[in-house]
Every structure is written in structure tokens, then in C-alpha cells.
PDB file of N, CA and C in Angstrom:
ATOM      1  N   MET A   1       0.849  -1.169   0.000  1.00  0.00           N
ATOM      2  CA  MET A   1       0.000   0.000   0.000  1.00  0.00           C
ATOM      3  C   MET A   1       0.896   1.232   0.000  1.00  0.00           C
ATOM      4  N   ASP A   2       0.588   2.177  -0.850  1.00  0.00           N
ATOM      5  CA  ASP A   2       1.356   3.418  -0.930  1.00  0.00           C
ATOM      6  C   ASP A   2       0.595   4.504  -0.185  1.00  0.00           C
ATOM      7  N   ILE A   3       1.027   4.783   1.045  1.00  0.00           N
ATOM      8  CA  ILE A   3       0.318   5.793   1.834  1.00  0.00           C
ATOM      9  C   ILE A   3       0.783   7.206   1.529  1.00  0.00           C
ATOM     10  N   SER A   4       1.827   7.349   0.727  1.00  0.00           N
ATOM     11  CA  SER A   4       2.331   8.695   0.432  1.00  0.00           C
ATOM     12  C   SER A   4       1.343   9.505  -0.408  1.00  0.00           C
ATOM     13  N   ARG A   5       0.468   8.831  -1.137  1.00  0.00           N
ATOM     14  CA  ARG A   5      -0.499   9.543  -1.966  1.00  0.00           C
ATOM     15  C   ARG A   5      -1.847   9.755  -1.278  1.00  0.00           C
ATOM     16  N   MET A   6      -1.976   9.279  -0.056  1.00  0.00           N
ATOM     17  CA  MET A   6      -3.236   9.438   0.689  1.00  0.00           C
ATOM     18  C   MET A   6      -3.343  10.847   1.263  1.00  0.00           C
ATOM     19  N   PRO A   7      -4.556  11.352   1.384  1.00  0.00           N
ATOM     20  CA  PRO A   7      -4.729  12.620   2.108  1.00  0.00           C
ATOM     21  C   PRO A   7      -4.448  12.402   3.601  1.00  0.00           C
ATOM     22  N   ASN A   8      -4.068  13.454   4.270  1.00  0.00           N
ATOM     23  CA  ASN A   8      -3.680  13.348   5.682  1.00  0.00           C
ATOM     24  C   ASN A   8      -4.807  12.847   6.573  1.00  0.00           C
ATOM     25  N   GLU A   9      -6.050  13.215   6.267  1.00  0.00           N
ATOM     26  CA  GLU A   9      -7.179  12.738   7.069  1.00  0.00           C
ATOM     27  C   GLU A   9      -7.312  11.222   6.978  1.00  0.00           C
ATOM     28  N   ARG A  10      -7.101  10.695   5.787  1.00  0.00           N
ATOM     29  CA  ARG A  10      -7.187   9.240   5.572  1.00  0.00           C
ATOM     30  C   ARG A  10      -6.028   8.524   6.275  1.00  0.00           C
ATOM     31  N   LYS A  11      -4.841   9.129   6.277  1.00  0.00           N
ATOM     32  CA  LYS A  11      -3.702   8.557   6.995  1.00  0.00           C
ATOM     33  C   LYS A  11      -4.007   8.455   8.486  1.00  0.00           C
ATOM     34  N   LEU A  12      -4.584   9.511   9.039  1.00  0.00           N
ATOM     35  CA  LEU A  12      -4.937   9.499  10.452  1.00  0.00           C
ATOM     36  C   LEU A  12      -5.967   8.416  10.737  1.00  0.00           C
ATOM     37  N   TYR A  13      -6.972   8.294   9.890  1.00  0.00           N
ATOM     38  CA  TYR A  13      -7.991   7.258  10.063  1.00  0.00           C
ATOM     39  C   TYR A  13      -7.363   5.864  10.044  1.00  0.00           C
ATOM     40  N   LEU A  14      -6.501   5.610   9.071  1.00  0.00           N
ATOM     41  CA  LEU A  14      -5.866   4.302   8.929  1.00  0.00           C
ATOM     42  C   LEU A  14      -4.936   4.003  10.105  1.00  0.00           C
ATOM     43  N   CYS A  15      -4.169   4.981  10.529  1.00  0.00           N
ATOM     44  CA  CYS A  15      -3.268   4.812  11.674  1.00  0.00           C
ATOM     45  C   CYS A  15      -4.060   4.489  12.934  1.00  0.00           C
ATOM     46  N   LYS A  16      -5.139   5.210  13.145  1.00  0.00           N
ATOM     47  CA  LYS A  16      -5.996   4.970  14.313  1.00  0.00           C
ATOM     48  C   LYS A  16      -6.649   3.586  14.229  1.00  0.00           C
ATOM     49  N   TRP A  17      -7.081   3.186  13.033  1.00  0.00           N
ATOM     50  CA  TRP A  17      -7.724   1.881  12.857  1.00  0.00           C
ATOM     51  C   TRP A  17      -6.754   0.753  13.161  1.00  0.00           C
ATOM     52  N   TYR A  18      -5.528   0.854  12.668  1.00  0.00           N
ATOM     53  CA  TYR A  18      -4.521  -0.181  12.937  1.00  0.00           C
ATOM     54  C   TYR A  18      -4.193  -0.252  14.429  1.00  0.00           C
ATOM     55  N   PHE A  19      -4.119   0.880  15.091  1.00  0.00           N
ATOM     56  CA  PHE A  19      -3.850   0.863  16.526  1.00  0.00           C
ATOM     57  C   PHE A  19      -4.981   0.174  17.280  1.00  0.00           C
ATOM     58  N   LYS A  20      -6.219   0.524  16.969  1.00  0.00           N
ATOM     59  CA  LYS A  20      -7.359  -0.088  17.649  1.00  0.00           C
ATOM     60  C   LYS A  20      -7.461  -1.579  17.343  1.00  0.00           C
ATOM     61  N   ALA A  21      -7.169  -1.986  16.125  1.00  0.00           N
ATOM     62  CA  ALA A  21      -7.187  -3.409  15.780  1.00  0.00           C
ATOM     63  C   ALA A  21      -6.097  -4.156  16.542  1.00  0.00           C
ATOM     64  N   GLY A  22      -4.989  -3.512  16.795  1.00  0.00           N
ATOM     65  CA  GLY A  22      -3.919  -4.120  17.583  1.00  0.00           C
ATOM     66  C   GLY A  22      -4.329  -4.369  19.022  1.00  0.00           C
ATOM     67  N   LEU A  23      -5.283  -3.618  19.521  1.00  0.00           N
ATOM     68  CA  LEU A  23      -5.788  -3.835  20.877  1.00  0.00           C
ATOM     69  C   LEU A  23      -6.527  -5.163  21.004  1.00  0.00           C
ATOM     70  N   ALA A  24      -6.905  -5.761  19.883  1.00  0.00           N
ATOM     71  CA  ALA A  24      -7.595  -7.051  19.885  1.00  0.00           C
ATOM     72  C   ALA A  24      -6.569  -8.189  19.901  1.00  0.00           C
ATOM     73  N   LEU A  25      -5.497  -8.004  20.651  1.00  0.00           N
ATOM     74  CA  LEU A  25      -4.423  -8.988  20.796  1.00  0.00           C
ATOM     75  C   LEU A  25      -3.778  -9.338  19.460  1.00  0.00           C
ATOM     76  N   LEU A  26      -3.569  -8.340  18.620  1.00  0.00           N
ATOM     77  CA  LEU A  26      -2.896  -8.503  17.339  1.00  0.00           C
ATOM     78  C   LEU A  26      -1.703  -7.542  17.268  1.00  0.00           C
ATOM     79  N   PRO A  27      -0.647  -7.823  18.033  1.00  0.00           N
ATOM     80  CA  PRO A  27       0.480  -6.877  18.096  1.00  0.00           C
ATOM     81  C   PRO A  27       1.210  -6.709  16.769  1.00  0.00           C
ATOM     82  N   PHE A  28       1.035  -7.661  15.843  1.00  0.00           N
ATOM     83  CA  PHE A  28       1.648  -7.510  14.534  1.00  0.00           C
ATOM     84  C   PHE A  28       1.133  -6.252  13.831  1.00  0.00           C
ATOM     85  N   LEU A  29      -0.132  -5.907  14.053  1.00  0.00           N
ATOM     86  CA  LEU A  29      -0.684  -4.694  13.449  1.00  0.00           C
ATOM     87  C   LEU A  29      -0.032  -3.441  14.013  1.00  0.00           C
ATOM     88  N   TRP A  30       0.347  -3.499  15.292  1.00  0.00           N
ATOM     89  CA  TRP A  30       1.063  -2.356  15.873  1.00  0.00           C
ATOM     90  C   TRP A  30       2.425  -2.180  15.224  1.00  0.00           C
ATOM     91  N   SER A  31       3.105  -3.278  14.956  1.00  0.00           N
ATOM     92  CA  SER A  31       4.412  -3.163  14.309  1.00  0.00           C
ATOM     93  C   SER A  31       4.260  -2.618  12.886  1.00  0.00           C
ATOM     94  N   ILE A  32       3.239  -3.051  12.174  1.00  0.00           N
ATOM     95  CA  ILE A  32       2.979  -2.512  10.832  1.00  0.00           C
ATOM     96  C   ILE A  32       2.672  -1.019  10.917  1.00  0.00           C
ATOM     97  N   ASN A  33       1.842  -0.651  11.873  1.00  0.00           N
ATOM     98  CA  ASN A  33       1.480   0.752  12.068  1.00  0.00           C
ATOM     99  C   ASN A  33       2.728   1.600  12.341  1.00  0.00           C
ATOM    100  N   SER A  34       3.617   1.090  13.165  1.00  0.00           N
ATOM    101  CA  SER A  34       4.841   1.820  13.511  1.00  0.00           C
ATOM    102  C   SER A  34       5.718   2.047  12.286  1.00  0.00           C
ATOM    103  N   VAL A  35       5.849   1.029  11.460  1.00  0.00           N
ATOM    104  CA  VAL A  35       6.712   1.135  10.284  1.00  0.00           C
ATOM    105  C   VAL A  35       6.081   2.034   9.227  1.00  0.00           C
ATOM    106  N   TRP A  36       4.817   1.815   8.940  1.00  0.00           N
ATOM    107  CA  TRP A  36       4.161   2.584   7.880  1.00  0.00           C
ATOM    108  C   TRP A  36       4.088   4.079   8.165  1.00  0.00           C
ATOM    109  N   PHE A  37       3.813   4.435   9.396  1.00  0.00           N
ATOM    110  CA  PHE A  37       3.547   5.843   9.697  1.00  0.00           C
ATOM    111  C   PHE A  37       4.685   6.556  10.411  1.00  0.00           C
ATOM    112  N   PHE A  38       5.826   5.907  10.585  1.00  0.00           N
ATOM    113  CA  PHE A  38       6.945   6.538  11.289  1.00  0.00           C
ATOM    114  C   PHE A  38       7.401   7.810  10.567  1.00  0.00           C
ATOM    115  N   ASN A  39       7.581   7.734   9.262  1.00  0.00           N
ATOM    116  CA  ASN A  39       8.023   8.908   8.509  1.00  0.00           C
ATOM    117  C   ASN A  39       7.017  10.047   8.585  1.00  0.00           C
ATOM    118  N   ASP A  40       5.739   9.720   8.470  1.00  0.00           N
ATOM    119  CA  ASP A  40       4.720  10.768   8.544  1.00  0.00           C
ATOM    120  C   ASP A  40       4.677  11.402   9.924  1.00  0.00           C
ATOM    121  N   ALA A  41       4.940  10.625  10.945  1.00  0.00           N
ATOM    122  CA  ALA A  41       4.852  11.134  12.312  1.00  0.00           C
ATOM    123  C   ALA A  41       6.067  11.951  12.709  1.00  0.00           C
ATOM    124  N   PHE A  42       7.258  11.575  12.245  1.00  0.00           N
ATOM    125  CA  PHE A  42       8.474  12.183  12.780  1.00  0.00           C
ATOM    126  C   PHE A  42       9.364  12.883  11.757  1.00  0.00           C
ATOM    127  N   ARG A  43       9.230  12.595  10.479  1.00  0.00           N
ATOM    128  CA  ARG A  43      10.172  13.139   9.507  1.00  0.00           C
ATOM    129  C   ARG A  43       9.574  14.131   8.517  1.00  0.00           C
ATOM    130  N   LYS A  44       8.270  14.175   8.395  1.00  0.00           N
ATOM    131  CA  LYS A  44       7.627  15.085   7.437  1.00  0.00           C
ATOM    132  C   LYS A  44       7.443  16.466   8.080  1.00  0.00           C
ATOM    133  N   PRO A  45       7.323  17.491   7.255  1.00  0.00           N
ATOM    134  CA  PRO A  45       7.003  18.817   7.804  1.00  0.00           C
ATOM    135  C   PRO A  45       5.652  18.781   8.531  1.00  0.00           C
ATOM    136  N   ALA A  46       5.496  19.658   9.491  1.00  0.00           N
ATOM    137  CA  ALA A  46       4.300  19.647  10.339  1.00  0.00           C
ATOM    138  C   ALA A  46       3.019  19.886   9.535  1.00  0.00           C
ATOM    139  N   TYR A  47       1.988  19.143   9.915  1.00  0.00           N
ATOM    140  CA  TYR A  47       0.639  19.324   9.371  1.00  0.00           C
ATOM    141  C   TYR A  47      -0.347  19.029  10.490  1.00  0.00           C
ATOM    142  N   ASP A  48      -1.630  19.320  10.271  1.00  0.00           N
ATOM    143  CA  ASP A  48      -2.623  19.281  11.349  1.00  0.00           C
ATOM    144  C   ASP A  48      -2.752  17.911  12.018  1.00  0.00           C
ATOM    145  N   GLU A  49      -2.797  16.860  11.245  1.00  0.00           N
ATOM    146  CA  GLU A  49      -3.041  15.528  11.781  1.00  0.00           C
ATOM    147  C   GLU A  49      -1.788  14.856  12.345  1.00  0.00           C
ATOM    148  N   GLN A  50      -0.635  15.475  12.159  1.00  0.00           N
ATOM    149  CA  GLN A  50       0.631  14.842  12.531  1.00  0.00           C
ATOM    150  C   GLN A  50       0.743  14.556  14.026  1.00  0.00           C
ATOM    151  N   LYS A  51       0.256  15.457  14.842  1.00  0.00           N
ATOM    152  CA  LYS A  51       0.365  15.273  16.285  1.00  0.00           C
ATOM    153  C   LYS A  51      -0.374  14.013  16.741  1.00  0.00           C
ATOM    154  N   GLU A  52      -1.560  13.799  16.200  1.00  0.00           N
ATOM    155  CA  GLU A  52      -2.327  12.620  16.587  1.00  0.00           C
ATOM    156  C   GLU A  52      -1.728  11.339  15.994  1.00  0.00           C
ATOM    157  N   ILE A  53      -1.225  11.410  14.769  1.00  0.00           N
ATOM    158  CA  ILE A  53      -0.553  10.258  14.171  1.00  0.00           C
ATOM    159  C   ILE A  53       0.673   9.894  15.007  1.00  0.00           C
ATOM    160  N   LYS A  54       1.415  10.891  15.438  1.00  0.00           N
ATOM    161  CA  LYS A  54       2.605  10.652  16.256  1.00  0.00           C
ATOM    162  C   LYS A  54       2.233   9.922  17.550  1.00  0.00           C
ATOM    163  N   LYS A  55       1.116  10.325  18.154  1.00  0.00           N
ATOM    164  CA  LYS A  55       0.664   9.675  19.389  1.00  0.00           C
ATOM    165  C   LYS A  55       0.384   8.195  19.146  1.00  0.00           C
ATOM    166  N   TYR A  56      -0.327   7.871  18.068  1.00  0.00           N
ATOM    167  CA  TYR A  56      -0.655   6.473  17.779  1.00  0.00           C
ATOM    168  C   TYR A  56       0.583   5.664  17.393  1.00  0.00           C
ATOM    169  N   VAL A  57       1.535   6.289  16.719  1.00  0.00           N
ATOM    170  CA  VAL A  57       2.773   5.590  16.366  1.00  0.00           C
ATOM    171  C   VAL A  57       3.575   5.276  17.626  1.00  0.00           C
ATOM    172  N   ILE A  58       3.664   6.206  18.541  1.00  0.00           N
ATOM    173  CA  ILE A  58       4.392   5.967  19.792  1.00  0.00           C
ATOM    174  C   ILE A  58       3.714   4.861  20.593  1.00  0.00           C
ATOM    175  N   PHE A  59       2.389   4.904  20.714  1.00  0.00           N
ATOM    176  CA  PHE A  59       1.666   3.841  21.421  1.00  0.00           C
ATOM    177  C   PHE A  59       1.868   2.488  20.738  1.00  0.00           C
ATOM    178  N   SER A  60       1.903   2.484  19.413  1.00  0.00           N
ATOM    179  CA  SER A  60       2.105   1.237  18.675  1.00  0.00           C
ATOM    180  C   SER A  60       3.503   0.675  18.922  1.00  0.00           C
ATOM    181  N   ILE A  61       4.502   1.540  18.953  1.00  0.00           N
ATOM    182  CA  ILE A  61       5.868   1.089  19.233  1.00  0.00           C
ATOM    183  C   ILE A  61       5.962   0.512  20.634  1.00  0.00           C
ATOM    184  N   VAL A  62       5.384   1.207  21.606  1.00  0.00           N
ATOM    185  CA  VAL A  62       5.414   0.724  22.988  1.00  0.00           C
ATOM    186  C   VAL A  62       4.669  -0.601  23.106  1.00  0.00           C
ATOM    187  N   GLY A  63       3.504  -0.705  22.493  1.00  0.00           N
ATOM    188  CA  GLY A  63       2.732  -1.948  22.526  1.00  0.00           C
ATOM    189  C   GLY A  63       3.480  -3.105  21.893  1.00  0.00           C
ATOM    190  N   THR A  64       4.134  -2.843  20.767  1.00  0.00           N
ATOM    191  CA  THR A  64       4.920  -3.883  20.103  1.00  0.00           C
ATOM    192  C   THR A  64       6.058  -4.358  20.994  1.00  0.00           C
ATOM    193  N   LEU A  65       6.751  -3.422  21.627  1.00  0.00           N
ATOM    194  CA  LEU A  65       7.868  -3.795  22.498  1.00  0.00           C
ATOM    195  C   LEU A  65       7.398  -4.573  23.718  1.00  0.00           C
ATOM    196  N   VAL A  66       6.271  -4.190  24.297  1.00  0.00           N
ATOM    197  CA  VAL A  66       5.738  -4.914  25.452  1.00  0.00           C
ATOM    198  C   VAL A  66       5.394  -6.345  25.062  1.00  0.00           C
ATOM    199  N   TRP A  67       4.713  -6.518  23.924  1.00  0.00           N
ATOM    200  CA  TRP A  67       4.378  -7.865  23.460  1.00  0.00           C
ATOM    201  C   TRP A  67       5.623  -8.666  23.139  1.00  0.00           C
ATOM    202  N   LEU A  68       6.609  -8.035  22.533  1.00  0.00           N
ATOM    203  CA  LEU A  68       7.837  -8.737  22.191  1.00  0.00           C
ATOM    204  C   LEU A  68       8.554  -9.237  23.443  1.00  0.00           C
ATOM    205  N   VAL A  69       8.638  -8.393  24.455  1.00  0.00           N
ATOM    206  CA  VAL A  69       9.261  -8.799  25.722  1.00  0.00           C
ATOM    207  C   VAL A  69       8.467  -9.928  26.364  1.00  0.00           C
ATOM    208  N   ALA A  70       7.154  -9.835  26.361  1.00  0.00           N
ATOM    209  CA  ALA A  70       6.320 -10.879  26.967  1.00  0.00           C
ATOM    210  C   ALA A  70       6.481 -12.218  26.242  1.00  0.00           C
ATOM    211  N   ILE A  71       6.463 -12.197  24.928  1.00  0.00           N
ATOM    212  CA  ILE A  71       6.571 -13.442  24.165  1.00  0.00           C
ATOM    213  C   ILE A  71       7.957 -14.058  24.323  1.00  0.00           C
ATOM    214  N   VAL A  72       9.006 -13.252  24.244  1.00  0.00           N
ATOM    215  CA  VAL A  72      10.360 -13.781  24.419  1.00  0.00           C
ATOM    216  C   VAL A  72      10.543 -14.331  25.831  1.00  0.00           C
ATOM    217  N   SER A  73      10.001 -13.634  26.820  1.00  0.00           N
ATOM    218  CA  SER A  73      10.094 -14.125  28.200  1.00  0.00           C
ATOM    219  C   SER A  73       9.402 -15.470  28.356  1.00  0.00           C
ATOM    220  N   TRP A  74       8.218 -15.603  27.776  1.00  0.00           N
ATOM    221  CA  TRP A  74       7.493 -16.872  27.859  1.00  0.00           C
ATOM    222  C   TRP A  74       8.261 -17.999  27.172  1.00  0.00           C
ATOM    223  N   VAL A  75       8.782 -17.753  25.984  1.00  0.00           N
ATOM    224  CA  VAL A  75       9.499 -18.790  25.249  1.00  0.00           C
ATOM    225  C   VAL A  75      10.747 -19.234  26.015  1.00  0.00           C
ATOM    226  N   VAL A  76      11.498 -18.284  26.531  1.00  0.00           N
ATOM    227  CA  VAL A  76      12.703 -18.631  27.287  1.00  0.00           C
ATOM    228  C   VAL A  76      12.336 -19.414  28.544  1.00  0.00           C
ATOM    229  N   THR A  77      11.337 -18.945  29.282  1.00  0.00           N
ATOM    230  CA  THR A  77      10.915 -19.648  30.496  1.00  0.00           C
ATOM    231  C   THR A  77      10.444 -21.058  30.177  1.00  0.00           C
ATOM    232  N   PHE A  78       9.629 -21.202  29.149  1.00  0.00           N
ATOM    233  CA  PHE A  78       9.107 -22.520  28.794  1.00  0.00           C
ATOM    234  C   PHE A  78      10.229 -23.462  28.369  1.00  0.00           C
ATOM    235  N   GLN A  79      11.166 -22.951  27.587  1.00  0.00           N
ATOM    236  CA  GLN A  79      12.256 -23.805  27.127  1.00  0.00           C
ATOM    237  C   GLN A  79      13.161 -24.244  28.280  1.00  0.00           C
ATOM    238  N   LEU A  80      13.363 -23.375  29.251  1.00  0.00           N
ATOM    239  CA  LEU A  80      14.231 -23.716  30.375  1.00  0.00           C
ATOM    240  C   LEU A  80      13.535 -24.601  31.406  1.00  0.00           C
ATOM    241  N   LYS A  81      12.234 -24.460  31.577  1.00  0.00           N
ATOM    242  CA  LYS A  81      11.509 -25.172  32.633  1.00  0.00           C
ATOM    243  C   LYS A  81      10.654 -26.326  32.131  1.00  0.00           C
ATOM    244  N   ARG A  82      10.614 -26.560  30.833  1.00  0.00           N
ATOM    245  CA  ARG A  82       9.713 -27.548  30.270  1.00  0.00           C
ATOM    246  C   ARG A  82       9.870 -28.925  30.902  1.00  0.00           C
ATOM    247  N   GLU A  83      11.073 -29.351  31.060  1.00  0.00           N
ATOM    248  CA  GLU A  83      11.318 -30.693  31.590  1.00  0.00           C
ATOM    249  C   GLU A  83      10.880 -30.823  33.050  1.00  0.00           C
ATOM    250  N   THR A  84      11.086 -29.787  33.836  1.00  0.00           N
ATOM    251  CA  THR A  84      10.717 -29.863  35.254  1.00  0.00           C
ATOM    252  C   THR A  84       9.209 -29.705  35.474  1.00  0.00           C
ATOM    253  N   TRP A  85       8.485 -29.172  34.515  1.00  0.00           N
ATOM    254  CA  TRP A  85       7.043 -28.998  34.661  1.00  0.00           C
ATOM    255  C   TRP A  85       6.272 -30.293  34.405  1.00  0.00           C
ATOM    256  N   GLY A  86       6.939 -31.281  33.847  1.00  0.00           N
ATOM    257  CA  GLY A  86       6.347 -32.604  33.688  1.00  0.00           C
ATOM    258  C   GLY A  86       5.110 -32.653  32.812  1.00  0.00           C
ATOM    259  N   GLU A  87       4.041 -33.257  33.358  1.00  0.00           N
ATOM    260  CA  GLU A  87       2.822 -33.496  32.588  1.00  0.00           C
ATOM    261  C   GLU A  87       2.142 -32.193  32.160  1.00  0.00           C
ATOM    262  N   PHE A  88       2.202 -31.176  33.014  1.00  0.00           N
ATOM    263  CA  PHE A  88       1.612 -29.883  32.652  1.00  0.00           C
ATOM    264  C   PHE A  88       2.235 -29.342  31.371  1.00  0.00           C
ATOM    265  N   ALA A  89       3.549 -29.421  31.259  1.00  0.00           N
ATOM    266  CA  ALA A  89       4.233 -28.943  30.057  1.00  0.00           C
ATOM    267  C   ALA A  89       3.834 -29.775  28.844  1.00  0.00           C
ATOM    268  N   ASP A  90       3.654 -31.094  29.042  1.00  0.00           N
ATOM    269  CA  ASP A  90       3.201 -31.935  27.932  1.00  0.00           C
ATOM    270  C   ASP A  90       1.800 -31.542  27.476  1.00  0.00           C
ATOM    271  N   ASN A  91       0.948 -31.194  28.413  1.00  0.00           N
ATOM    272  CA  ASN A  91      -0.427 -30.821  28.082  1.00  0.00           C
ATOM    273  C   ASN A  91      -0.510 -29.512  27.304  1.00  0.00           C
ATOM    274  N   ILE A  92       0.407 -28.591  27.558  1.00  0.00           N
ATOM    275  CA  ILE A  92       0.346 -27.304  26.850  1.00  0.00           C
ATOM    276  C   ILE A  92       1.284 -27.256  25.646  1.00  0.00           C
ATOM    277  N   SER A  93       1.956 -28.359  25.352  1.00  0.00           N
ATOM    278  CA  SER A  93       2.871 -28.416  24.205  1.00  0.00           C
ATOM    279  C   SER A  93       2.122 -28.838  22.948  1.00  0.00           C
ATOM    280  N   PHE A  94       2.512 -28.254  21.846  1.00  0.00           N
ATOM    281  CA  PHE A  94       1.958 -28.654  20.556  1.00  0.00           C
ATOM    282  C   PHE A  94       2.660 -29.918  20.069  1.00  0.00           C
ATOM    283  N   LEU A  95       3.974 -29.929  20.194  1.00  0.00           N
ATOM    284  CA  LEU A  95       4.776 -31.097  19.856  1.00  0.00           C
ATOM    285  C   LEU A  95       5.432 -31.609  21.133  1.00  0.00           C
ATOM    286  N   VAL A  96       5.221 -32.861  21.422  1.00  0.00           N
ATOM    287  CA  VAL A  96       5.815 -33.460  22.618  1.00  0.00           C
ATOM    288  C   VAL A  96       7.032 -34.270  22.177  1.00  0.00           C
ATOM    289  N   PRO A  97       8.228 -33.854  22.637  1.00  0.00           N
ATOM    290  CA  PRO A  97       9.416 -34.609  22.251  1.00  0.00           C
ATOM    291  C   PRO A  97       9.425 -35.988  22.913  1.00  0.00           C
ATOM    292  N   LEU A  98       9.888 -36.966  22.169  1.00  0.00           N
ATOM    293  CA  LEU A  98       9.956 -38.323  22.689  1.00  0.00           C
ATOM    294  C   LEU A  98      11.337 -38.569  23.298  1.00  0.00           C
ATOM    295  N   GLY A  99      11.348 -39.146  24.477  1.00  0.00           N
ATOM    296  CA  GLY A  99      12.604 -39.512  25.121  1.00  0.00           C
ATOM    297  C   GLY A  99      13.367 -38.311  25.629  1.00  0.00           C
ATOM    298  N   ARG A 100      14.616 -38.599  25.943  1.00  0.00           N
ATOM    299  CA  ARG A 100      15.474 -37.552  26.512  1.00  0.00           C
ATOM    300  C   ARG A 100      16.842 -37.667  25.853  1.00  0.00           C
ATOM    301  N   ALA A 101      17.418 -36.559  25.508  1.00  0.00           N
ATOM    302  CA  ALA A 101      18.711 -36.567  24.813  1.00  0.00           C
ATOM    303  C   ALA A 101      19.848 -36.874  25.746  1.00  0.00           C
TER     304      ALA A 101
END
């Protein structure tokens, strides 16, 4: 999608929509929002909608980082503790490894 040809009002609408959709536990949309609108929020000359776009881009970046930290923390914890959690870990695993190395 080429957002450079969109009017500023439409950019604000789209940025706000992606942020709100990310609130539905879809942090990937926040990362897309951050990348797509970063230039409009921080590098373009000032325009009326820029302040609000900047707010949504900052919230999207923060939301993406929070989700990234949470997911990495969970993966590391699960990988380190999987064997000691026993049957519970087997129940929440998609693939159950056979045997022990």
C-alpha cells in the first residue's frame, strides 16, 4: 500500500484503525502501524493531523515492544523449565518430544 499519496485525514484514520485493531491482541498490526507511519509522524514537515498520528505511532511502538518482551520471556521460560514442569508442560505443548537426549 502506498500511503504517500493518501490525504492526511485518511492517513490518520488508517493509523488509528490499525492501533485499535492491535488492541484485539494482534500486536503484529502495531508493528505494521509503527513502520508505515513513522516517517509521517516524525520526519515530514508539520501538518494538522501529525500530532495525533505521532501519538498512535508511539503507542504502537510501545505496545509492540511490550508484546515482544512478553513473548520472548514466555518462550525462554518454557524452554528452560519444560522438563521440570512434567505433565503440565506436555499438556500445553503442541509437539511433545519423545525420550530424553
